[in-house]
Each structure stands twice: as structure tokens, then as C-alpha cells.
C-alpha atoms as a PDB file:
ATOM      1  CA  PHE A   1      71.498  30.509  13.277  1.00  0.00           C
ATOM      2  CA  ILE A   2      71.596  29.263   9.684  1.00  0.00           C
ATOM      3  CA  SER A   3      71.944  32.829   8.361  1.00  0.00           C
ATOM      4  CA  ILE A   4      74.995  33.254  10.617  1.00  0.00           C
ATOM      5  CA  ILE A   5      76.530  30.057   9.259  1.00  0.00           C
ATOM      6  CA  LYS A   6      75.900  31.275   5.691  1.00  0.00           C
ATOM      7  CA  LEU A   7      77.683  34.537   6.480  1.00  0.00           C
ATOM      8  CA  MET A   8      80.664  32.550   7.763  1.00  0.00           C
ATOM      9  CA  ILE A   9      80.695  30.345   4.660  1.00  0.00           C
ATOM     10  CA  ASN A  10      80.335  33.166   2.145  1.00  0.00           C
ATOM     11  CA  ALA A  11      82.646  35.753   3.713  1.00  0.00           C
ATOM     12  CA  GLU A  12      85.750  36.548   1.730  1.00  0.00           C
ATOM     13  CA  ARG A  13      87.667  37.261   4.950  1.00  0.00           C
ATOM     14  CA  ILE A  14      86.747  36.857   8.634  1.00  0.00           C
ATOM     15  CA  LEU A  15      88.159  39.011  11.406  1.00  0.00           C
ATOM     16  CA  ILE A  16      87.476  38.066  15.021  1.00  0.00           C
ATOM     17  CA  ILE A  17      87.608  40.469  17.938  1.00  0.00           C
ATOM     18  CA  GLY A  18      87.184  39.864  21.629  1.00  0.00           C
ATOM     19  CA  LEU A  19      89.053  42.005  24.114  1.00  0.00           C
ATOM     20  CA  ARG A  20      89.779  41.789  27.820  1.00  0.00           C
ATOM     21  CA  GLY A  21      87.678  38.991  29.380  1.00  0.00           C
ATOM     22  CA  SER A  22      86.299  38.022  25.957  1.00  0.00           C
ATOM     23  CA  TYR A  23      89.749  37.463  24.467  1.00  0.00           C
ATOM     24  CA  PRO A  24      89.883  33.745  25.415  1.00  0.00           C
ATOM     25  CA  LEU A  25      86.579  33.224  23.591  1.00  0.00           C
ATOM     26  CA  ALA A  26      87.812  35.042  20.491  1.00  0.00           C
ATOM     27  CA  HIS A  27      91.084  33.110  20.545  1.00  0.00           C
ATOM     28  CA  HIS A  28      89.243  29.795  20.870  1.00  0.00           C
ATOM     29  CA  LEU A  29      86.964  30.635  17.940  1.00  0.00           C
ATOM     30  CA  GLY A  30      89.861  31.901  15.822  1.00  0.00           C
ATOM     31  CA  PHE A  31      92.084  28.906  16.548  1.00  0.00           C
ATOM     32  CA  TYR A  32      89.505  26.388  15.362  1.00  0.00           C
ATOM     33  CA  LEU A  33      87.992  28.488  12.595  1.00  0.00           C
ATOM     34  CA  LYS A  34      91.450  28.739  10.975  1.00  0.00           C
ATOM     35  CA  MET A  35      91.462  24.940  10.785  1.00  0.00           C
ATOM     36  CA  ILE A  36      88.148  24.970   8.912  1.00  0.00           C
ATOM     37  CA  ARG A  37      88.564  27.817   6.411  1.00  0.00           C
ATOM     38  CA  ASP A  38      91.049  30.301   4.969  1.00  0.00           C
ATOM     39  CA  ARG A  39      91.393  34.014   5.620  1.00  0.00           C
ATOM     40  CA  VAL A  40      90.601  34.122   9.330  1.00  0.00           C
ATOM     41  CA  THR A  41      92.395  36.622  11.562  1.00  0.00           C
ATOM     42  CA  LEU A  42      92.164  37.313  15.281  1.00  0.00           C
ATOM     43  CA  ILE A  43      92.506  41.073  15.732  1.00  0.00           C
ATOM     44  CA  GLY A  44      93.291  43.300  18.683  1.00  0.00           C
ATOM     45  CA  GLN A  45      96.542  41.606  19.572  1.00  0.00           C
ATOM     46  CA  ALA A  46      99.703  43.223  20.925  1.00  0.00           C
ATOM     47  CA  GLY A  47     101.603  45.331  18.436  1.00  0.00           C
ATOM     48  CA  HIS A  48      98.583  46.278  16.340  1.00  0.00           C
ATOM     49  CA  THR A  49      95.928  48.920  16.554  1.00  0.00           C
ATOM     50  CA  LEU A  50      92.319  48.101  15.829  1.00  0.00           C
ATOM     51  CA  ALA A  51      92.305  50.772  13.133  1.00  0.00           C
ATOM     52  CA  GLU A  52      95.093  48.940  11.286  1.00  0.00           C
ATOM     53  CA  ASP A  53      93.395  45.599  11.812  1.00  0.00           C
ATOM     54  CA  ILE A  54      89.964  46.589  10.511  1.00  0.00           C
ATOM     55  CA  SER A  55      91.330  48.722   7.681  1.00  0.00           C
ATOM     56  CA  VAL A  56      91.439  45.568   5.520  1.00  0.00           C
ATOM     57  CA  LEU A  57      87.676  44.977   5.785  1.00  0.00           C
ATOM     58  CA  LYS A  58      85.537  45.562   2.742  1.00  0.00           C
ATOM     59  CA  LEU A  59      82.179  44.569   1.308  1.00  0.00           C
ATOM     60  CA  GLY A  60      81.920  40.783   1.483  1.00  0.00           C
ATOM     61  CA  ASP A  61      84.037  40.507   4.636  1.00  0.00           C
ATOM     62  CA  LEU A  62      82.849  39.574   8.110  1.00  0.00           C
ATOM     63  CA  LEU A  63      83.674  40.760  11.612  1.00  0.00           C
ATOM     64  CA  ILE A  64      82.798  38.390  14.438  1.00  0.00           C
ATOM     65  CA  ALA A  65      82.718  40.389  17.664  1.00  0.00           C
ATOM     66  CA  ILE A  66      82.555  38.889  21.136  1.00  0.00           C
ATOM     67  CA  SER A  67      81.885  40.958  24.239  1.00  0.00           C
ATOM     68  CA  VAL A  68      79.948  40.482  27.447  1.00  0.00           C
ATOM     69  CA  ASN A  69      79.133  42.802  30.300  1.00  0.00           C
ATOM     70  CA  PRO A  70      81.135  44.913  31.085  1.00  0.00           C
ATOM     71  CA  TYR A  71      81.344  45.642  27.352  1.00  0.00           C
ATOM     72  CA  THR A  72      84.548  46.852  25.769  1.00  0.00           C
ATOM     73  CA  LYS A  73      84.237  50.187  23.993  1.00  0.00           C
ATOM     74  CA  ASP A  74      86.907  49.249  21.425  1.00  0.00           C
ATOM     75  CA  THR A  75      84.943  46.150  20.402  1.00  0.00           C
ATOM     76  CA  THR A  76      81.776  48.209  19.990  1.00  0.00           C
ATOM     77  CA  GLU A  77      83.641  50.824  17.948  1.00  0.00           C
ATOM     78  CA  ALA A  78      85.201  48.124  15.753  1.00  0.00           C
ATOM     79  CA  CYS A  79      81.669  46.897  14.966  1.00  0.00           C
ATOM     80  CA  ARG A  80      80.365  50.370  14.217  1.00  0.00           C
ATOM     81  CA  ILE A  81      83.271  51.284  11.933  1.00  0.00           C
ATOM     82  CA  SER A  82      83.322  47.890  10.181  1.00  0.00           C
ATOM     83  CA  LYS A  83      79.621  48.211   9.440  1.00  0.00           C
ATOM     84  CA  ILE A  84      80.150  51.679   7.940  1.00  0.00           C
ATOM     85  CA  HIS A  85      82.785  50.187   5.610  1.00  0.00           C
ATOM     86  CA  GLY A  86      80.466  47.452   4.350  1.00  0.00           C
ATOM     87  CA  ALA A  87      81.457  44.441   6.428  1.00  0.00           C
ATOM     88  CA  GLU A  88      78.843  42.116   7.887  1.00  0.00           C
ATOM     89  CA  ILE A  89      78.859  41.752  11.668  1.00  0.00           C
ATOM     90  CA  ILE A  90      78.153  38.707  13.821  1.00  0.00           C
ATOM     91  CA  ALA A  91      77.956  39.417  17.543  1.00  0.00           C
ATOM     92  CA  ILE A  92      78.330  36.858  20.292  1.00  0.00           C
ATOM     93  CA  THR A  93      77.172  38.567  23.450  1.00  0.00           C
ATOM     94  CA  ASP A  94      75.127  38.167  26.603  1.00  0.00           C
ATOM     95  CA  SER A  95      72.066  40.359  26.134  1.00  0.00           C
ATOM     96  CA  LEU A  96      69.693  41.785  23.541  1.00  0.00           C
ATOM     97  CA  SER A  97      70.526  45.203  24.975  1.00  0.00           C
ATOM     98  CA  SER A  98      74.270  44.648  24.445  1.00  0.00           C
ATOM     99  CA  PRO A  99      75.879  47.385  22.344  1.00  0.00           C
ATOM    100  CA  LEU A 100      77.064  44.636  19.985  1.00  0.00           C
ATOM    101  CA  ALA A 101      73.566  43.249  19.423  1.00  0.00           C
ATOM    102  CA  ILE A 102      72.401  46.751  18.558  1.00  0.00           C
ATOM    103  CA  GLU A 103      74.988  46.943  15.716  1.00  0.00           C
ATOM    104  CA  THR A 104      73.695  43.889  13.819  1.00  0.00           C
ATOM    105  CA  ASP A 105      70.769  41.584  13.149  1.00  0.00           C
ATOM    106  CA  ASN A 106      73.197  38.640  13.282  1.00  0.00           C
ATOM    107  CA  PHE A 107      73.804  37.869  16.924  1.00  0.00           C
ATOM    108  CA  LEU A 108      73.966  34.945  19.291  1.00  0.00           C
ATOM    109  CA  ILE A 109      73.007  35.518  22.905  1.00  0.00           C
ATOM    110  CA  THR A 110      74.752  33.372  25.473  1.00  0.00           C
ATOM    111  CA  PRO A 111      74.142  33.698  29.220  1.00  0.00           C
ATOM    112  CA  ILE A 112      77.086  34.964  31.249  1.00  0.00           C
ATOM    113  CA  VAL A 113      76.117  35.352  34.871  1.00  0.00           C
ATOM    114  CA  GLY A 114      78.697  35.754  37.576  1.00  0.00           C
ATOM    115  CA  ASP A 115      80.885  38.121  39.485  1.00  0.00           C
ATOM    116  CA  TYR A 116      82.561  40.890  37.493  1.00  0.00           C
ATOM    117  CA  PHE A 117      86.058  39.380  37.534  1.00  0.00           C
ATOM    118  CA  PHE A 118      85.007  35.759  37.221  1.00  0.00           C
ATOM    119  CA  SER A 119      82.229  35.609  34.652  1.00  0.00           C
ATOM    120  CA  PRO A 120      81.634  31.980  33.701  1.00  0.00           C
ATOM    121  CA  LEU A 121      82.455  31.527  30.016  1.00  0.00           C
ATOM    122  CA  VAL A 122      81.331  27.906  29.641  1.00  0.00           C
ATOM    123  CA  ALA A 123      78.020  28.790  27.967  1.00  0.00           C
ATOM    124  CA  ALA A 124      79.853  30.990  25.453  1.00  0.00           C
ATOM    125  CA  ILE A 125      82.317  28.178  24.663  1.00  0.00           C
ATOM    126  CA  ILE A 126      79.401  25.810  24.047  1.00  0.00           C
ATOM    127  CA  CYS A 127      77.836  28.436  21.759  1.00  0.00           C
ATOM    128  CA  ILE A 128      81.107  28.789  19.824  1.00  0.00           C
ATOM    129  CA  GLU A 129      81.633  25.042  19.526  1.00  0.00           C
ATOM    130  CA  THR A 130      78.052  24.591  18.310  1.00  0.00           C
ATOM    131  CA  LEU A 131      78.727  27.266  15.699  1.00  0.00           C
ATOM    132  CA  LEU A 132      81.941  25.540  14.598  1.00  0.00           C
ATOM    133  CA  SER A 133      80.268  22.113  14.455  1.00  0.00           C
ATOM    134  CA  GLU A 134      77.442  23.428  12.280  1.00  0.00           C
ATOM    135  CA  LEU A 135      79.946  25.180  10.027  1.00  0.00           C
ATOM    136  CA  VAL A 136      81.843  21.919   9.504  1.00  0.00           C
ATOM    137  CA  LYS A 137      78.569  20.130   8.817  1.00  0.00           C
ATOM    138  CA  GLN A 138      77.530  22.733   6.216  1.00  0.00           C
ATOM    139  CA  LEU A 139      80.957  22.823   4.522  1.00  0.00           C
ATOM    140  CA  GLY A 140      81.047  19.017   4.437  1.00  0.00           C
ATOM    141  CA  ASP A 141      83.983  17.357   2.699  1.00  0.00           C
ATOM    142  CA  LYS A 142      85.804  20.645   2.183  1.00  0.00           C
ATOM    143  CA  ALA A 143      86.020  21.230   5.959  1.00  0.00           C
ATOM    144  CA  ILE A 144      86.862  17.599   6.681  1.00  0.00           C
ATOM    145  CA  GLU A 145      89.728  17.734   4.162  1.00  0.00           C
ATOM    146  CA  ARG A 146      91.107  20.874   5.828  1.00  0.00           C
ATOM    147  CA  LEU A 147      90.838  19.326   9.285  1.00  0.00           C
ATOM    148  CA  ASN A 148      92.544  16.148   8.053  1.00  0.00           C
ATOM    149  CA  HIS A 149      95.305  18.241   6.482  1.00  0.00           C
ATOM    150  CA  THR A 150      95.851  20.072   9.774  1.00  0.00           C
ATOM    151  CA  GLU A 151      95.948  16.759  11.623  1.00  0.00           C
ATOM    152  CA  HIS A 152      98.549  15.492   9.151  1.00  0.00           C
ATOM    153  CA  ILE A 153     100.729  18.578   9.677  1.00  0.00           C
ATOM    154  CA  LEU A 154     100.428  18.172  13.450  1.00  0.00           C
ATOM    155  CA  GLU A 155     101.584  14.566  13.082  1.00  0.00           C
ATOM    156  CA  GLU A 156     104.582  15.767  11.059  1.00  0.00           C
ATOM    157  CA  PHE A 157     105.474  17.978  13.997  1.00  0.00           C
ATOM    158  CA  GLU A 158     104.953  14.916  16.182  1.00  0.00           C
ATOM    159  CA  THR A 159     102.343  16.740  18.198  1.00  0.00           C
ATOM    160  CA  GLU A 160     100.307  14.380  20.303  1.00  0.00           C
ATOM    161  CA  ILE A 161      96.651  14.409  19.288  1.00  0.00           C
ATOM    162  CA  LEU A 162      94.313  13.190  21.958  1.00  0.00           C
END
């Protein structure tokens, strides 16, 4: 777990991918990670191709890939190609035999058990929020300053913060 946090701290750029049923998880991670550090991008969105998105990756960059059964071929291919081009990979997935876990030594396994169309994602959200909390803890004042800055901007927009 600590090695994964170090990768997130030291990465020059972080791309996050999660397609189909994993998209909400990727969006959640990306939304909050952008509040904690710079150079975070959620990829695989409308109007882009994955090839264009991952073409920016280089040595020192990080791809965080999220996919659970049934696995998305495009997510697996993004991992494989990113690895070839020197990026580190972190996988958040549901099994040691997941095609994502096979692409990297840096993976988090979170149980997703349910019907095909309604896989419960709560365990994965807890995994992601634990990851974010530890990242903030490790970054310390730097992360707190960024979060405070974001809160200030939200207040300027008069967004209600609960």
C-alpha cells in the first residue's frame, strides 16, 4: 500500500482510466485526486480516443486503471501499452487473476460480488477513499493547502459545502 502511495506522490502526471461500470469509480478518484495534486487527468471520455489520451505518458508518469469483472479490453490494453512506454501502473481490481493485476505489481484488490449489471461498488469506493486519505496524510501540509484553496474557490462560487 505504501509503495502505491509513493508512486502517486512521485508521479509527474497521473492518468486514470475506468470504463463502463468502472467509470464511476474512476471519476470519483479523479475528482478528489485533482483536489490533492496537480496533473491528474481522467481518460476515456467522450470525444477522445484512448490512444490520444495515453500518448502523453512517459517515464515517470502513472496510469491508475480500474476494472472489475467483466473486464474491459480497452482498459487492459491501455495498461499494456502504457507499460511498454515506461509508465508505472496501479490497478484497482477485484481479483489476483484480473488482467489488470497481471500487468503490474502495484494493485489493490477489492471485492465486487453481485449480479452482472448491478455489481456493488461500495467496497471499491472505500478502497479509493482509503487511498486518498493516506495520500493526504503523506503529503501533509501541501495537500491540506490545496484542499483549503479548493474550498476557498468553492466558497467564491457560493457552492454550499456540507
